[in-house]
Amino acid sequence: MNNWSFGRKAVFCVISSVLASSLAGIVFILLNSRIRSLVVAVVTASFICALIFFIVSQLLRDKDTKVRITSQIASVVVGFLVIVSTVIINLAPFIVFPCNHNEAAYDDLTELSKVEDSRISEIRIDDLTGWRISSRSAKPDQKRPVIICFYGNGMNASATSLMIFKDKNGIYGDFNENTDFVCVDYPGYGISGGAPDSDSVKEMALKVYDEVASWETTSEIILFGYSIGTGIATYTASERDAAGLILWAPYANAYDIFNNYLNIFYGPCRLLVRFRMDSDKYIKNVDCPVLILASDADEMVPYQSSRDLFAAADGTAADFVSLSGISHNAFWQDTKALDNTYEFIGEVA
C-alpha cells in the first residue's frame, strides 16, 4: 500500500513538473526576446547564487555554528547583490530604449510619400529606416542644409516626422522651410533592424550622417538632438563636420540620467551602467557652434547635468539658453525653445 502511495505521488510529481515546464516554456516563447534575455539572466544568477550558498554550507558544516551562520549570511547578502545587479543591468535597456514604433504614423507617411511631388520620402540605409522631409522653398535639385534629428527614447521616426510635416499648430515650419529634415529610427525602433545600445546607435548615427552627406543636394548638415538623442548628436558632431549642433535637454553623461532615477551609480556601481554616452567628453572635440537648451524644471534630465555639459564645451562656440518651469516633454511646444532653435538654424545655415 505504501509502495502504491509512493508510486502515485511520484507519478503526480512527474506529471505536475511536465505540465509546469510546458506552461513555462509556452510563456517563455511568447515573451519578447528582450524580456526572455532578462528572465534567463535572473534565473541563471539565482541558480549560481543558490549553488554557491549550498557549497559554502557543505564546506562549513563541521565548523563552529557562529562561523557557519556568518558565512551563510554573507553568501545570502552577496547573492542578493548579484541578483539585484543582474536585474539592473538587464532591465536598464528597457528603460533607456523602449523600442517604440507607431504603425499608424508609418502608414500615413507611406501614403503621403506616394503623392505626386510629395516632399516626404522614405530613407533606407542598410537595415535602418526613416524619413526625409524636403525643404518647402528649395527646388528639387537645389543645394540646401539638412537637419538630422536624433529623437528622445520615447519617440520614433515616423511619429516625429509626421508631427513636423503636418504641423497642425503651425509651429514647426522653420524645421523644413529652407532645410531638409531627416529622422531615422534607432536600431530596434520602428522597422529598423538590430538592437539599441550605446555602440549600435553610434554606428547608426554615423551611417545616417554619411548617407545624408553623400546626397548631391546637401550643402551642410545641422545635427539636432533631444533628450537621449543629445548624446548621439554630440558624438556624431565629434566624429564628423557639422554646421551646427542643437541640444535640447542634454546630459553630460549617462550616469547623470541613471542617478536621477536611482542615486547609487557612483564608484564601482558605475559598472552597472551599460549605456555609455559621455557627451562631456565628446563635446571637447566639437568644432561647430552649439546651442544648448535646458529647463530648470526638467524631471528627466537634471538641469545641472546640462550646465556641466556646457562647462565642458571648451573652445566651442556654445550658447546656453535656460528655460523656466517647463517639463521634459514640453520642449516641442515651448515658444522660447523653438524661437531660439530657428534663430540658430538661420545663423549656421
Protein backbone atom coordinates (compact mmCIF):
# COMPACT_ATOMS: atom_id res chain seq x y z
CA MET A 1 0.00 0.00 0.00
CA ASN A 2 2.85 2.35 0.92
CA ASN A 3 4.63 1.46 -2.35
CA TRP A 4 1.46 2.20 -4.28
CA SER A 5 1.06 5.51 -2.44
CA PHE A 6 4.68 6.42 -3.19
CA GLY A 7 4.18 5.49 -6.85
CA ARG A 8 1.13 7.70 -7.17
CA LYS A 9 3.00 10.59 -5.58
CA ALA A 10 5.91 10.08 -7.95
CA VAL A 11 3.61 10.00 -11.00
CA PHE A 12 1.79 13.08 -9.74
CA CYS A 13 5.09 14.94 -9.27
CA VAL A 14 6.30 13.95 -12.74
CA ILE A 15 3.03 15.00 -14.43
CA SER A 16 2.94 18.27 -12.48
CA SER A 17 6.56 19.00 -13.42
CA VAL A 18 5.88 18.29 -17.10
CA LEU A 19 2.79 20.50 -17.13
CA ALA A 20 4.53 23.31 -15.26
CA SER A 21 7.57 23.10 -17.54
CA SER A 22 5.36 23.07 -20.65
CA LEU A 23 3.38 26.07 -19.45
CA ALA A 24 6.57 27.94 -18.53
CA GLY A 25 8.05 27.05 -21.93
CA ILE A 26 4.99 28.35 -23.80
CA VAL A 27 5.00 31.61 -21.81
CA PHE A 28 8.76 31.93 -22.34
CA ILE A 29 8.36 31.52 -26.13
CA LEU A 30 5.59 34.14 -26.24
CA LEU A 31 7.69 36.69 -24.36
CA ASN A 32 9.54 39.47 -26.14
CA SER A 33 13.13 38.44 -26.91
CA ARG A 34 14.48 41.20 -24.67
CA ILE A 35 12.29 40.01 -21.78
CA ARG A 36 13.46 36.44 -22.38
CA SER A 37 17.07 37.53 -22.03
CA LEU A 38 16.19 39.27 -18.75
CA VAL A 39 14.44 36.15 -17.41
CA VAL A 40 17.35 33.91 -18.42
CA ALA A 41 19.88 36.25 -16.78
CA VAL A 42 17.94 36.45 -13.49
CA VAL A 43 17.27 32.70 -13.34
CA THR A 44 20.92 31.92 -14.11
CA ALA A 45 22.15 34.37 -11.46
CA SER A 46 19.71 32.95 -8.91
CA PHE A 47 20.81 29.38 -9.66
CA ILE A 48 24.50 30.27 -9.33
CA CYS A 49 23.89 32.08 -6.04
CA ALA A 50 21.90 29.13 -4.67
CA LEU A 51 24.68 26.76 -5.74
CA ILE A 52 27.32 28.91 -4.01
CA PHE A 53 25.20 29.01 -0.84
CA PHE A 54 24.88 25.21 -0.90
CA ILE A 55 28.62 24.69 -1.45
CA VAL A 56 29.52 27.11 1.36
CA SER A 57 27.07 25.37 3.69
CA GLN A 58 28.56 21.95 2.89
CA LEU A 59 32.16 23.09 3.27
CA LEU A 60 31.46 24.65 6.65
CA ARG A 61 29.06 22.05 8.05
CA ASP A 62 31.68 20.86 10.59
CA LYS A 63 32.69 24.36 11.62
CA ASP A 64 31.55 26.33 14.63
CA THR A 65 27.90 27.42 14.50
CA LYS A 66 28.82 31.11 14.60
CA VAL A 67 31.20 30.70 11.66
CA ARG A 68 28.58 28.75 9.68
CA ILE A 69 25.83 31.28 10.24
CA THR A 70 28.10 34.25 9.48
CA SER A 71 29.30 32.63 6.24
CA GLN A 72 25.76 31.74 5.18
CA ILE A 73 24.54 35.28 5.86
CA ALA A 74 27.45 36.67 3.85
CA SER A 75 26.58 34.27 0.99
CA VAL A 76 22.96 35.41 1.05
CA VAL A 77 23.94 39.11 1.03
CA VAL A 78 26.38 38.60 -1.85
CA GLY A 79 23.80 36.56 -3.73
CA PHE A 80 21.17 39.25 -3.23
CA LEU A 81 23.55 41.93 -4.53
CA VAL A 82 24.41 39.78 -7.55
CA ILE A 83 20.73 39.24 -8.40
CA VAL A 84 19.89 42.93 -7.95
CA SER A 85 22.87 43.89 -10.11
CA THR A 86 21.75 41.43 -12.77
CA VAL A 87 18.25 42.90 -12.78
CA ILE A 88 19.59 46.48 -13.06
CA ILE A 89 21.99 45.62 -15.88
CA ASN A 90 19.38 43.77 -17.90
CA LEU A 91 16.39 45.98 -17.07
CA ALA A 92 18.12 49.25 -17.94
CA PRO A 93 17.90 48.73 -21.75
CA PHE A 94 14.08 48.59 -21.47
CA ILE A 95 14.09 51.98 -19.75
CA VAL A 96 16.72 53.63 -21.94
CA PHE A 97 15.46 52.21 -25.25
CA PRO A 98 11.82 51.02 -25.17
CA CYS A 99 11.93 50.48 -28.97
CA ASN A 100 8.78 52.35 -29.98
CA HIS A 101 7.01 52.01 -33.30
CA ASN A 102 3.98 53.97 -34.46
CA GLU A 103 2.39 51.86 -37.17
CA ALA A 104 -0.38 54.37 -37.87
CA ALA A 105 2.13 57.20 -38.40
CA TYR A 106 4.27 54.95 -40.59
CA ASP A 107 1.25 54.05 -42.76
CA ASP A 108 0.23 57.73 -43.03
CA LEU A 109 3.71 58.76 -44.17
CA THR A 110 3.84 55.88 -46.63
CA GLU A 111 0.62 57.11 -48.24
CA LEU A 112 1.82 60.72 -48.22
CA SER A 113 5.07 59.69 -49.91
CA LYS A 114 3.11 58.25 -52.86
CA VAL A 115 1.50 61.58 -53.71
CA GLU A 116 2.94 63.26 -56.80
CA ASP A 117 5.67 65.81 -55.94
CA SER A 118 5.49 64.78 -52.31
CA ARG A 119 8.06 66.32 -50.00
CA ILE A 120 8.04 63.15 -47.89
CA SER A 121 10.24 60.20 -48.84
CA GLU A 122 11.34 57.08 -47.01
CA ILE A 123 15.03 56.54 -46.31
CA ARG A 124 16.64 53.10 -46.30
CA ILE A 125 20.22 52.70 -45.08
CA ASP A 126 21.12 49.02 -44.81
CA ASP A 127 18.59 47.76 -42.23
CA LEU A 128 17.78 51.26 -40.95
CA THR A 129 14.66 53.13 -42.00
CA GLY A 130 13.47 56.69 -41.61
CA TRP A 131 12.03 59.72 -43.36
CA ARG A 132 13.14 62.81 -45.24
CA ILE A 133 11.05 65.97 -45.43
CA SER A 134 12.31 68.13 -48.28
CA SER A 135 12.53 71.90 -47.97
CA ARG A 136 9.42 73.85 -48.95
CA SER A 137 11.34 76.69 -50.59
CA ALA A 138 14.17 74.80 -52.32
CA LYS A 139 13.88 73.34 -55.80
CA PRO A 140 14.30 69.54 -56.01
CA ASP A 141 17.87 69.76 -57.33
CA GLN A 142 18.90 72.82 -55.33
CA LYS A 143 21.56 72.53 -52.63
CA ARG A 144 20.34 73.26 -49.09
CA PRO A 145 21.19 72.41 -45.46
CA VAL A 146 19.87 69.24 -43.88
CA ILE A 147 18.82 68.85 -40.24
CA ILE A 148 19.38 65.34 -38.87
CA CYS A 149 17.16 64.73 -35.84
CA PHE A 150 18.06 62.28 -33.06
CA TYR A 151 14.87 61.97 -31.02
CA GLY A 152 14.09 61.07 -27.40
CA ASN A 153 13.86 57.47 -26.26
CA GLY A 154 10.06 57.54 -26.07
CA MET A 155 9.70 58.76 -29.65
CA ASN A 156 10.18 57.24 -33.10
CA ALA A 157 10.99 58.48 -36.59
CA SER A 158 7.50 58.08 -38.07
CA ALA A 159 5.59 59.96 -35.37
CA THR A 160 8.25 62.69 -35.19
CA SER A 161 8.36 63.20 -38.96
CA LEU A 162 4.58 63.22 -39.24
CA MET A 163 4.37 65.82 -36.45
CA ILE A 164 6.85 68.08 -38.25
CA PHE A 165 5.29 67.58 -41.68
CA LYS A 166 1.64 68.09 -40.74
CA ASP A 167 2.49 70.91 -38.31
CA LYS A 168 -1.09 71.14 -37.02
CA ASN A 169 -0.36 74.12 -34.76
CA GLY A 170 1.86 75.92 -37.26
CA ILE A 171 4.96 75.89 -35.04
CA TYR A 172 7.37 73.58 -36.88
CA GLY A 173 7.59 75.30 -40.26
CA ASP A 174 11.16 76.53 -39.81
CA PHE A 175 12.41 72.97 -39.46
CA ASN A 176 11.85 72.50 -43.19
CA GLU A 177 11.32 75.91 -44.74
CA ASN A 178 14.84 76.31 -46.11
CA THR A 179 16.26 73.00 -44.90
CA ASP A 180 15.54 69.32 -45.30
CA PHE A 181 14.54 67.44 -42.13
CA VAL A 182 15.78 63.87 -41.69
CA CYS A 183 14.80 61.45 -38.94
CA VAL A 184 15.88 57.80 -38.92
CA ASP A 185 14.85 55.16 -36.40
CA TYR A 186 17.43 53.80 -33.97
CA PRO A 187 18.19 50.06 -34.20
CA GLY A 188 15.16 48.17 -32.88
CA TYR A 189 12.85 51.18 -33.27
CA GLY A 190 10.18 51.41 -35.95
CA ILE A 191 11.07 48.80 -38.54
CA SER A 192 14.83 49.33 -38.25
CA GLY A 193 16.73 46.12 -37.62
CA GLY A 194 19.13 45.36 -34.81
CA ALA A 195 19.04 46.15 -31.12
CA PRO A 196 19.73 49.53 -29.49
CA ASP A 197 22.74 50.07 -27.26
CA SER A 198 25.44 52.72 -26.98
CA ASP A 199 27.57 51.14 -29.72
CA SER A 200 24.79 50.40 -32.23
CA VAL A 201 23.25 53.88 -32.01
CA LYS A 202 26.67 55.48 -32.54
CA GLU A 203 27.22 53.32 -35.61
CA MET A 204 23.71 54.16 -36.82
CA ALA A 205 24.32 57.90 -36.39
CA LEU A 206 27.48 57.87 -38.49
CA LYS A 207 25.74 55.83 -41.19
CA VAL A 208 22.92 58.37 -41.36
CA TYR A 209 25.36 61.29 -41.48
CA ASP A 210 27.42 59.68 -44.26
CA GLU A 211 24.28 58.89 -46.26
CA VAL A 212 22.97 62.46 -45.99
CA ALA A 213 26.41 63.92 -46.77
CA SER A 214 26.51 61.86 -49.99
CA TRP A 215 23.35 63.50 -51.39
CA GLU A 216 24.07 65.96 -54.19
CA THR A 217 21.55 68.42 -52.72
CA THR A 218 23.20 68.58 -49.27
CA SER A 219 25.13 71.80 -48.69
CA GLU A 220 25.80 71.31 -44.95
CA ILE A 221 24.46 69.30 -42.04
CA ILE A 222 22.96 70.54 -38.78
CA LEU A 223 22.75 67.94 -36.01
CA PHE A 224 19.77 68.15 -33.66
CA GLY A 225 19.38 66.02 -30.55
CA TYR A 226 16.65 65.82 -27.93
CA SER A 227 16.94 64.04 -24.57
CA ILE A 228 18.66 60.67 -25.10
CA GLY A 229 19.40 61.77 -28.66
CA THR A 230 21.64 64.64 -27.47
CA GLY A 231 24.43 62.24 -26.62
CA ILE A 232 24.15 60.62 -30.06
CA ALA A 233 24.13 64.02 -31.80
CA THR A 234 27.14 65.22 -29.78
CA TYR A 235 29.06 62.04 -30.57
CA THR A 236 28.32 62.48 -34.29
CA ALA A 237 29.47 66.12 -34.20
CA SER A 238 32.72 64.98 -32.59
CA GLU A 239 33.33 62.50 -35.42
CA ARG A 240 32.02 64.40 -38.45
CA ASP A 241 31.90 68.01 -39.68
CA ALA A 242 28.66 69.83 -38.87
CA ALA A 243 27.44 73.36 -39.48
CA GLY A 244 25.82 73.43 -36.06
CA LEU A 245 24.74 71.28 -33.11
CA ILE A 246 21.38 71.80 -31.36
CA LEU A 247 20.85 70.09 -28.00
CA TRP A 248 17.51 70.06 -26.18
CA ALA A 249 17.64 68.77 -22.59
CA PRO A 250 21.15 67.33 -22.90
CA TYR A 251 23.06 65.33 -20.29
CA ALA A 252 26.76 65.45 -19.51
CA ASN A 253 26.97 61.66 -19.23
CA ALA A 254 24.70 58.65 -18.85
CA TYR A 255 25.42 58.34 -15.12
CA ASP A 256 23.54 61.59 -14.50
CA ILE A 257 20.42 60.11 -16.08
CA PHE A 258 20.63 56.86 -14.11
CA ASN A 259 21.29 58.69 -10.84
CA ASN A 260 18.23 60.82 -11.50
CA TYR A 261 16.17 57.60 -11.25
CA LEU A 262 18.20 55.84 -8.54
CA ASN A 263 21.03 57.78 -6.92
CA ILE A 264 23.51 54.91 -6.43
CA PHE A 265 25.68 54.91 -9.54
CA TYR A 266 28.99 56.05 -8.12
CA GLY A 267 32.35 54.33 -7.82
CA PRO A 268 32.11 50.57 -8.53
CA CYS A 269 28.34 50.88 -9.09
CA ARG A 270 29.08 52.75 -12.31
CA LEU A 271 29.94 49.35 -13.78
CA LEU A 272 26.21 48.57 -13.72
CA VAL A 273 25.54 51.27 -16.34
CA ARG A 274 25.86 49.61 -19.73
CA PHE A 275 24.64 52.63 -21.71
CA ARG A 276 27.81 54.69 -22.11
CA MET A 277 27.31 58.08 -23.73
CA ASP A 278 29.86 60.58 -22.43
CA SER A 279 28.70 63.82 -24.01
CA ASP A 280 31.04 65.86 -21.78
CA LYS A 281 33.98 64.09 -23.43
CA TYR A 282 32.62 64.17 -26.97
CA ILE A 283 31.83 67.89 -26.90
CA LYS A 284 35.51 68.74 -26.38
CA ASN A 285 36.08 67.53 -29.96
CA VAL A 286 33.17 69.52 -31.44
CA ASP A 287 34.27 72.49 -33.56
CA CYS A 288 30.94 73.83 -34.77
CA PRO A 289 28.62 76.31 -32.99
CA VAL A 290 26.50 74.65 -30.29
CA LEU A 291 23.10 75.64 -28.92
CA ILE A 292 22.10 74.09 -25.58
CA LEU A 293 18.59 74.47 -24.20
CA ALA A 294 17.74 73.19 -20.72
CA SER A 295 14.87 73.62 -18.29
CA ASP A 296 15.22 74.18 -14.56
CA ALA A 297 12.04 72.10 -14.10
CA ASP A 298 13.14 69.11 -16.22
CA GLU A 299 12.20 65.98 -14.29
CA MET A 300 14.06 63.57 -16.58
CA VAL A 301 17.42 65.19 -17.29
CA PRO A 302 18.90 67.18 -14.36
CA TYR A 303 19.38 70.86 -15.17
CA GLN A 304 22.84 70.74 -13.58
CA SER A 305 23.86 67.97 -15.98
CA SER A 306 23.08 70.28 -18.90
CA ARG A 307 25.10 73.03 -17.21
CA ASP A 308 28.00 70.61 -16.74
CA LEU A 309 27.92 69.78 -20.44
CA PHE A 310 28.01 73.48 -21.30
CA ALA A 311 31.01 73.92 -18.99
CA ALA A 312 32.78 71.03 -20.72
CA ALA A 313 32.45 72.69 -24.16
CA ASP A 314 35.98 74.11 -24.07
CA GLY A 315 36.80 76.15 -27.13
CA THR A 316 33.37 75.56 -28.67
CA ALA A 317 31.17 78.49 -29.66
CA ALA A 318 28.43 77.28 -27.33
CA ASP A 319 25.34 79.19 -26.25
CA PHE A 320 23.26 78.13 -23.25
CA VAL A 321 19.56 79.05 -23.10
CA SER A 322 17.76 78.44 -19.83
CA LEU A 323 14.05 77.62 -19.97
CA SER A 324 11.99 78.24 -16.87
CA GLY A 325 9.31 75.97 -15.48
CA ILE A 326 8.73 73.62 -18.42
CA SER A 327 8.74 69.84 -18.13
CA HIS A 328 10.91 67.47 -20.14
CA ASN A 329 8.21 66.68 -22.68
CA ALA A 330 7.21 70.33 -23.18
CA PHE A 331 10.26 71.35 -25.23
CA TRP A 332 8.47 70.60 -28.51
CA GLN A 333 5.68 73.06 -27.70
CA ASP A 334 7.71 75.76 -25.96
CA THR A 335 7.87 79.04 -27.90
CA LYS A 336 11.21 80.09 -26.43
CA ALA A 337 12.81 76.76 -27.27
CA LEU A 338 11.52 76.84 -30.84
CA ASP A 339 12.36 80.52 -31.45
CA ASN A 340 15.96 80.09 -30.24
CA THR A 341 16.30 76.93 -32.32
CA TYR A 342 15.04 78.58 -35.51
CA GLU A 343 17.25 81.62 -34.96
CA PHE A 344 20.26 79.31 -34.55
CA ILE A 345 19.36 77.36 -37.72
CA GLY A 346 19.15 80.63 -39.64
CA GLU A 347 22.58 81.70 -38.40
CA VAL A 348 24.50 78.49 -39.09
CA ALA A 349 22.72 77.66 -42.35
